[in-house]
Amino acid sequence: MSHKKVEITEYNYTEKLGKSYFNFSDINPSVICTNPLCNNPNVAAKFDVAQFSCEGKESTGRDCKRLFEVKLIN
């Protein structure tokens, strides 16, 4: 069974914030970190891992505290 779609759910480590859907064949997909203090809100979507984090930092130097969960769906 091959997967054709990918569901990426954003969390702030305590609650679900939103979902994005991609085709597995999409080229250079990205999601947006919804933390308004994040200096780099564009995040390259990763389909080959179970989860990944926002790579940006807040102005205080703290991580943006967003986690993206990856789920392969048909």
PDB file of N, CA and C in Angstrom:
ATOM      1  N   MET A   1       0.853  -1.174   0.000  1.00  0.00           N
ATOM      2  CA  MET A   1       0.000   0.000   0.000  1.00  0.00           C
ATOM      3  C   MET A   1       0.897   1.236   0.000  1.00  0.00           C
ATOM      4  N   SER A   2       0.682   2.115  -0.963  1.00  0.00           N
ATOM      5  CA  SER A   2       1.493   3.323  -1.012  1.00  0.00           C
ATOM      6  C   SER A   2       0.686   4.505  -0.494  1.00  0.00           C
ATOM      7  N   HIS A   3       1.368   5.384   0.178  1.00  0.00           N
ATOM      8  CA  HIS A   3       0.727   6.581   0.728  1.00  0.00           C
ATOM      9  C   HIS A   3       0.766   7.691  -0.307  1.00  0.00           C
ATOM     10  N   LYS A   4      -0.331   8.398  -0.442  1.00  0.00           N
ATOM     11  CA  LYS A   4      -0.407   9.462  -1.425  1.00  0.00           C
ATOM     12  C   LYS A   4      -0.512  10.839  -0.794  1.00  0.00           C
ATOM     13  N   LYS A   5      -0.903  10.879   0.464  1.00  0.00           N
ATOM     14  CA  LYS A   5      -1.060  12.167   1.143  1.00  0.00           C
ATOM     15  C   LYS A   5      -0.345  12.144   2.491  1.00  0.00           C
ATOM     16  N   VAL A   6      -0.014  13.339   2.930  1.00  0.00           N
ATOM     17  CA  VAL A   6       0.649  13.518   4.211  1.00  0.00           C
ATOM     18  C   VAL A   6      -0.142  14.564   5.001  1.00  0.00           C
ATOM     19  N   GLU A   7      -0.428  14.238   6.250  1.00  0.00           N
ATOM     20  CA  GLU A   7      -1.099  15.173   7.152  1.00  0.00           C
ATOM     21  C   GLU A   7      -0.068  15.657   8.163  1.00  0.00           C
ATOM     22  N   ILE A   8       0.084  16.964   8.287  1.00  0.00           N
ATOM     23  CA  ILE A   8       1.022  17.538   9.253  1.00  0.00           C
ATOM     24  C   ILE A   8       0.223  18.385  10.232  1.00  0.00           C
ATOM     25  N   THR A   9       0.330  18.038  11.512  1.00  0.00           N
ATOM     26  CA  THR A   9      -0.405  18.730  12.565  1.00  0.00           C
ATOM     27  C   THR A   9       0.570  19.536  13.411  1.00  0.00           C
ATOM     28  N   GLU A  10       0.237  20.800  13.630  1.00  0.00           N
ATOM     29  CA  GLU A  10       1.081  21.676  14.441  1.00  0.00           C
ATOM     30  C   GLU A  10       0.591  21.675  15.886  1.00  0.00           C
ATOM     31  N   TYR A  11       1.533  21.573  16.806  1.00  0.00           N
ATOM     32  CA  TYR A  11       1.252  21.629  18.246  1.00  0.00           C
ATOM     33  C   TYR A  11       2.140  22.687  18.881  1.00  0.00           C
ATOM     34  N   ASN A  12       1.691  23.258  19.986  1.00  0.00           N
ATOM     35  CA  ASN A  12       2.565  24.128  20.780  1.00  0.00           C
ATOM     36  C   ASN A  12       3.046  23.379  22.016  1.00  0.00           C
ATOM     37  N   TYR A  13       3.196  22.085  21.891  1.00  0.00           N
ATOM     38  CA  TYR A  13       3.643  21.146  22.919  1.00  0.00           C
ATOM     39  C   TYR A  13       2.574  20.817  23.953  1.00  0.00           C
ATOM     40  N   THR A  14       1.465  21.550  23.985  1.00  0.00           N
ATOM     41  CA  THR A  14       0.390  21.204  24.908  1.00  0.00           C
ATOM     42  C   THR A  14      -0.959  21.077  24.207  1.00  0.00           C
ATOM     43  N   GLU A  15      -1.136  21.718  23.049  1.00  0.00           N
ATOM     44  CA  GLU A  15      -2.429  21.635  22.365  1.00  0.00           C
ATOM     45  C   GLU A  15      -2.252  21.618  20.852  1.00  0.00           C
ATOM     46  N   LYS A  16      -3.216  21.006  20.190  1.00  0.00           N
ATOM     47  CA  LYS A  16      -3.229  20.942  18.737  1.00  0.00           C
ATOM     48  C   LYS A  16      -3.636  22.300  18.181  1.00  0.00           C
ATOM     49  N   LEU A  17      -2.874  22.804  17.195  1.00  0.00           N
ATOM     50  CA  LEU A  17      -3.143  24.128  16.655  1.00  0.00           C
ATOM     51  C   LEU A  17      -3.771  24.097  15.260  1.00  0.00           C
ATOM     52  N   GLY A  18      -3.403  23.161  14.428  1.00  0.00           N
ATOM     53  CA  GLY A  18      -3.962  23.121  13.087  1.00  0.00           C
ATOM     54  C   GLY A  18      -3.317  22.034  12.253  1.00  0.00           C
ATOM     55  N   LYS A  19      -3.931  21.755  11.094  1.00  0.00           N
ATOM     56  CA  LYS A  19      -3.439  20.709  10.205  1.00  0.00           C
ATOM     57  C   LYS A  19      -3.214  21.257   8.810  1.00  0.00           C
ATOM     58  N   SER A  20      -2.250  20.657   8.120  1.00  0.00           N
ATOM     59  CA  SER A  20      -1.987  20.936   6.713  1.00  0.00           C
ATOM     60  C   SER A  20      -1.911  19.608   5.993  1.00  0.00           C
ATOM     61  N   TYR A  21      -2.315  19.602   4.729  1.00  0.00           N
ATOM     62  CA  TYR A  21      -2.276  18.378   3.927  1.00  0.00           C
ATOM     63  C   TYR A  21      -1.432  18.612   2.691  1.00  0.00           C
ATOM     64  N   PHE A  22      -0.656  17.598   2.339  1.00  0.00           N
ATOM     65  CA  PHE A  22       0.211  17.662   1.175  1.00  0.00           C
ATOM     66  C   PHE A  22       0.101  16.360   0.399  1.00  0.00           C
ATOM     67  N   ASN A  23       0.375  16.430  -0.886  1.00  0.00           N
ATOM     68  CA  ASN A  23       0.566  15.222  -1.673  1.00  0.00           C
ATOM     69  C   ASN A  23       1.986  14.754  -1.426  1.00  0.00           C
ATOM     70  N   PHE A  24       2.178  13.458  -1.382  1.00  0.00           N
ATOM     71  CA  PHE A  24       3.498  12.910  -1.100  1.00  0.00           C
ATOM     72  C   PHE A  24       4.501  13.359  -2.153  1.00  0.00           C
ATOM     73  N   SER A  25       4.027  13.651  -3.359  1.00  0.00           N
ATOM     74  CA  SER A  25       4.908  14.041  -4.454  1.00  0.00           C
ATOM     75  C   SER A  25       5.170  15.545  -4.526  1.00  0.00           C
ATOM     76  N   ASP A  26       4.614  16.338  -3.619  1.00  0.00           N
ATOM     77  CA  ASP A  26       4.831  17.791  -3.642  1.00  0.00           C
ATOM     78  C   ASP A  26       6.322  18.112  -3.561  1.00  0.00           C
ATOM     79  N   ILE A  27       6.721  19.125  -4.309  1.00  0.00           N
ATOM     80  CA  ILE A  27       8.122  19.542  -4.339  1.00  0.00           C
ATOM     81  C   ILE A  27       8.295  20.748  -3.414  1.00  0.00           C
ATOM     82  N   ASN A  28       9.274  20.669  -2.522  1.00  0.00           N
ATOM     83  CA  ASN A  28       9.600  21.736  -1.572  1.00  0.00           C
ATOM     84  C   ASN A  28       8.406  22.205  -0.736  1.00  0.00           C
ATOM     85  N   PRO A  29       7.666  21.295  -0.122  1.00  0.00           N
ATOM     86  CA  PRO A  29       6.533  21.731   0.704  1.00  0.00           C
ATOM     87  C   PRO A  29       7.017  22.431   1.968  1.00  0.00           C
ATOM     88  N   SER A  30       6.208  23.361   2.467  1.00  0.00           N
ATOM     89  CA  SER A  30       6.564  24.034   3.717  1.00  0.00           C
ATOM     90  C   SER A  30       5.310  24.322   4.518  1.00  0.00           C
ATOM     91  N   VAL A  31       5.499  24.455   5.808  1.00  0.00           N
ATOM     92  CA  VAL A  31       4.428  24.830   6.718  1.00  0.00           C
ATOM     93  C   VAL A  31       4.850  26.129   7.404  1.00  0.00           C
ATOM     94  N   ILE A  32       3.892  26.813   7.983  1.00  0.00           N
ATOM     95  CA  ILE A  32       4.161  28.071   8.669  1.00  0.00           C
ATOM     96  C   ILE A  32       4.006  27.868  10.170  1.00  0.00           C
ATOM     97  N   CYS A  33       5.042  28.204  10.908  1.00  0.00           N
ATOM     98  CA  CYS A  33       4.989  28.198  12.364  1.00  0.00           C
ATOM     99  C   CYS A  33       4.083  29.348  12.788  1.00  0.00           C
ATOM    100  N   THR A  34       3.049  29.071  13.587  1.00  0.00           N
ATOM    101  CA  THR A  34       2.083  30.097  13.951  1.00  0.00           C
ATOM    102  C   THR A  34       2.486  30.939  15.162  1.00  0.00           C
ATOM    103  N   ASN A  35       3.663  30.679  15.715  1.00  0.00           N
ATOM    104  CA  ASN A  35       4.137  31.503  16.824  1.00  0.00           C
ATOM    105  C   ASN A  35       4.412  32.908  16.279  1.00  0.00           C
ATOM    106  N   PRO A  36       3.669  33.922  16.723  1.00  0.00           N
ATOM    107  CA  PRO A  36       3.840  35.269  16.172  1.00  0.00           C
ATOM    108  C   PRO A  36       5.194  35.900  16.496  1.00  0.00           C
ATOM    109  N   LEU A  37       5.927  35.352  17.443  1.00  0.00           N
ATOM    110  CA  LEU A  37       7.235  35.893  17.815  1.00  0.00           C
ATOM    111  C   LEU A  37       8.385  35.228  17.071  1.00  0.00           C
ATOM    112  N   CYS A  38       8.077  34.239  16.235  1.00  0.00           N
ATOM    113  CA  CYS A  38       9.110  33.464  15.544  1.00  0.00           C
ATOM    114  C   CYS A  38       9.761  34.301  14.442  1.00  0.00           C
ATOM    115  N   ASN A  39      11.100  34.294  14.409  1.00  0.00           N
ATOM    116  CA  ASN A  39      11.815  35.071  13.409  1.00  0.00           C
ATOM    117  C   ASN A  39      11.947  34.351  12.072  1.00  0.00           C
ATOM    118  N   ASN A  40      11.610  33.068  12.012  1.00  0.00           N
ATOM    119  CA  ASN A  40      11.717  32.295  10.781  1.00  0.00           C
ATOM    120  C   ASN A  40      10.528  31.339  10.715  1.00  0.00           C
ATOM    121  N   PRO A  41       9.337  31.848  10.374  1.00  0.00           N
ATOM    122  CA  PRO A  41       8.140  31.013  10.462  1.00  0.00           C
ATOM    123  C   PRO A  41       8.004  29.945   9.379  1.00  0.00           C
ATOM    124  N   ASN A  42       8.700  30.084   8.245  1.00  0.00           N
ATOM    125  CA  ASN A  42       8.620  29.053   7.207  1.00  0.00           C
ATOM    126  C   ASN A  42       9.468  27.856   7.610  1.00  0.00           C
ATOM    127  N   VAL A  43       8.859  26.683   7.583  1.00  0.00           N
ATOM    128  CA  VAL A  43       9.535  25.451   7.968  1.00  0.00           C
ATOM    129  C   VAL A  43       9.390  24.455   6.830  1.00  0.00           C
ATOM    130  N   ALA A  44      10.485  23.896   6.376  1.00  0.00           N
ATOM    131  CA  ALA A  44      10.422  22.865   5.344  1.00  0.00           C
ATOM    132  C   ALA A  44       9.696  21.654   5.914  1.00  0.00           C
ATOM    133  N   ALA A  45       8.662  21.199   5.226  1.00  0.00           N
ATOM    134  CA  ALA A  45       7.909  20.023   5.679  1.00  0.00           C
ATOM    135  C   ALA A  45       8.737  18.776   5.422  1.00  0.00           C
ATOM    136  N   LYS A  46       8.754  17.895   6.381  1.00  0.00           N
ATOM    137  CA  LYS A  46       9.511  16.647   6.276  1.00  0.00           C
ATOM    138  C   LYS A  46       8.535  15.484   6.316  1.00  0.00           C
ATOM    139  N   PHE A  47       8.600  14.624   5.324  1.00  0.00           N
ATOM    140  CA  PHE A  47       7.679  13.494   5.234  1.00  0.00           C
ATOM    141  C   PHE A  47       8.304  12.199   5.747  1.00  0.00           C
ATOM    142  N   ASP A  48       9.611  12.169   5.961  1.00  0.00           N
ATOM    143  CA  ASP A  48      10.309  10.926   6.297  1.00  0.00           C
ATOM    144  C   ASP A  48      10.597  10.774   7.788  1.00  0.00           C
ATOM    145  N   VAL A  49       9.956  11.596   8.613  1.00  0.00           N
ATOM    146  CA  VAL A  49      10.124  11.529  10.062  1.00  0.00           C
ATOM    147  C   VAL A  49       8.746  11.534  10.723  1.00  0.00           C
ATOM    148  N   ALA A  50       8.670  11.173  11.984  1.00  0.00           N
ATOM    149  CA  ALA A  50       7.398  11.174  12.705  1.00  0.00           C
ATOM    150  C   ALA A  50       7.032  12.577  13.177  1.00  0.00           C
ATOM    151  N   GLN A  51       8.043  13.403  13.436  1.00  0.00           N
ATOM    152  CA  GLN A  51       7.790  14.777  13.872  1.00  0.00           C
ATOM    153  C   GLN A  51       9.030  15.629  13.621  1.00  0.00           C
ATOM    154  N   PHE A  52       8.815  16.930  13.550  1.00  0.00           N
ATOM    155  CA  PHE A  52       9.914  17.876  13.423  1.00  0.00           C
ATOM    156  C   PHE A  52       9.496  19.174  14.098  1.00  0.00           C
ATOM    157  N   SER A  53      10.470  20.040  14.371  1.00  0.00           N
ATOM    158  CA  SER A  53      10.203  21.282  15.096  1.00  0.00           C
ATOM    159  C   SER A  53      10.421  22.496  14.215  1.00  0.00           C
ATOM    160  N   CYS A  54       9.837  23.598  14.644  1.00  0.00           N
ATOM    161  CA  CYS A  54      10.099  24.895  14.030  1.00  0.00           C
ATOM    162  C   CYS A  54      11.562  25.233  14.296  1.00  0.00           C
ATOM    163  N   GLU A  55      12.253  25.770  13.295  1.00  0.00           N
ATOM    164  CA  GLU A  55      13.677  26.046  13.453  1.00  0.00           C
ATOM    165  C   GLU A  55      13.965  27.476  13.867  1.00  0.00           C
ATOM    166  N   GLY A  56      12.956  28.316  13.965  1.00  0.00           N
ATOM    167  CA  GLY A  56      13.160  29.725  14.296  1.00  0.00           C
ATOM    168  C   GLY A  56      13.342  29.969  15.783  1.00  0.00           C
ATOM    169  N   LYS A  57      13.638  31.208  16.098  1.00  0.00           N
ATOM    170  CA  LYS A  57      13.818  31.640  17.486  1.00  0.00           C
ATOM    171  C   LYS A  57      12.947  32.863  17.751  1.00  0.00           C
ATOM    172  N   GLU A  58      12.532  33.014  18.985  1.00  0.00           N
ATOM    173  CA  GLU A  58      11.854  34.233  19.415  1.00  0.00           C
ATOM    174  C   GLU A  58      12.915  35.307  19.644  1.00  0.00           C
ATOM    175  N   SER A  59      12.505  36.550  19.776  1.00  0.00           N
ATOM    176  CA  SER A  59      13.460  37.650  19.981  1.00  0.00           C
ATOM    177  C   SER A  59      14.268  37.484  21.266  1.00  0.00           C
ATOM    178  N   THR A  60      13.749  36.708  22.201  1.00  0.00           N
ATOM    179  CA  THR A  60      14.455  36.445  23.458  1.00  0.00           C
ATOM    180  C   THR A  60      15.545  35.388  23.303  1.00  0.00           C
ATOM    181  N   GLY A  61      15.600  34.735  22.106  1.00  0.00           N
ATOM    182  CA  GLY A  61      16.566  33.674  21.871  1.00  0.00           C
ATOM    183  C   GLY A  61      16.008  32.292  22.147  1.00  0.00           C
ATOM    184  N   ARG A  62      14.795  32.232  22.669  1.00  0.00           N
ATOM    185  CA  ARG A  62      14.138  30.966  22.987  1.00  0.00           C
ATOM    186  C   ARG A  62      13.614  30.315  21.708  1.00  0.00           C
ATOM    187  N   ASP A  63      13.594  28.984  21.660  1.00  0.00           N
ATOM    188  CA  ASP A  63      13.010  28.270  20.519  1.00  0.00           C
ATOM    189  C   ASP A  63      11.549  28.653  20.353  1.00  0.00           C
ATOM    190  N   CYS A  64      11.037  28.547  19.127  1.00  0.00           N
ATOM    191  CA  CYS A  64       9.651  28.952  18.841  1.00  0.00           C
ATOM    192  C   CYS A  64       8.594  28.040  19.460  1.00  0.00           C
ATOM    193  N   LYS A  65       8.978  26.894  19.966  1.00  0.00           N
ATOM    194  CA  LYS A  65       8.068  25.997  20.688  1.00  0.00           C
ATOM    195  C   LYS A  65       6.889  25.526  19.842  1.00  0.00           C
ATOM    196  N   ARG A  66       7.168  25.109  18.625  1.00  0.00           N
ATOM    197  CA  ARG A  66       6.146  24.498  17.790  1.00  0.00           C
ATOM    198  C   ARG A  66       6.660  23.147  17.314  1.00  0.00           C
ATOM    199  N   LEU A  67       5.805  22.148  17.398  1.00  0.00           N
ATOM    200  CA  LEU A  67       6.129  20.792  16.995  1.00  0.00           C
ATOM    201  C   LEU A  67       5.163  20.393  15.884  1.00  0.00           C
ATOM    202  N   PHE A  68       5.668  19.766  14.838  1.00  0.00           N
ATOM    203  CA  PHE A  68       4.850  19.298  13.738  1.00  0.00           C
ATOM    204  C   PHE A  68       4.886  17.779  13.696  1.00  0.00           C
ATOM    205  N   GLU A  69       3.722  17.165  13.777  1.00  0.00           N
ATOM    206  CA  GLU A  69       3.585  15.707  13.741  1.00  0.00           C
ATOM    207  C   GLU A  69       3.211  15.292  12.322  1.00  0.00           C
ATOM    208  N   VAL A  70       3.860  14.266  11.816  1.00  0.00           N
ATOM    209  CA  VAL A  70       3.671  13.809  10.439  1.00  0.00           C
ATOM    210  C   VAL A  70       2.898  12.495  10.452  1.00  0.00           C
ATOM    211  N   LYS A  71       1.863  12.418   9.620  1.00  0.00           N
ATOM    212  CA  LYS A  71       1.074  11.189   9.507  1.00  0.00           C
ATOM    213  C   LYS A  71       0.838  10.912   8.026  1.00  0.00           C
ATOM    214  N   LEU A  72       1.244   9.724   7.581  1.00  0.00           N
ATOM    215  CA  LEU A  72       1.001   9.325   6.194  1.00  0.00           C
ATOM    216  C   LEU A  72      -0.409   8.768   6.081  1.00  0.00           C
ATOM    217  N   ILE A  73      -1.170   9.240   5.099  1.00  0.00           N
ATOM    218  CA  ILE A  73      -2.538   8.779   4.901  1.00  0.00           C
ATOM    219  C   ILE A  73      -2.733   8.399   3.446  1.00  0.00           C
ATOM    220  N   ASN A  74      -3.793   7.688   3.165  1.00  0.00           N
ATOM    221  CA  ASN A  74      -4.087   7.285   1.775  1.00  0.00           C
ATOM    222  C   ASN A  74      -4.999   8.289   1.113  1.00  0.00           C
TER     223      ASN A  74
END
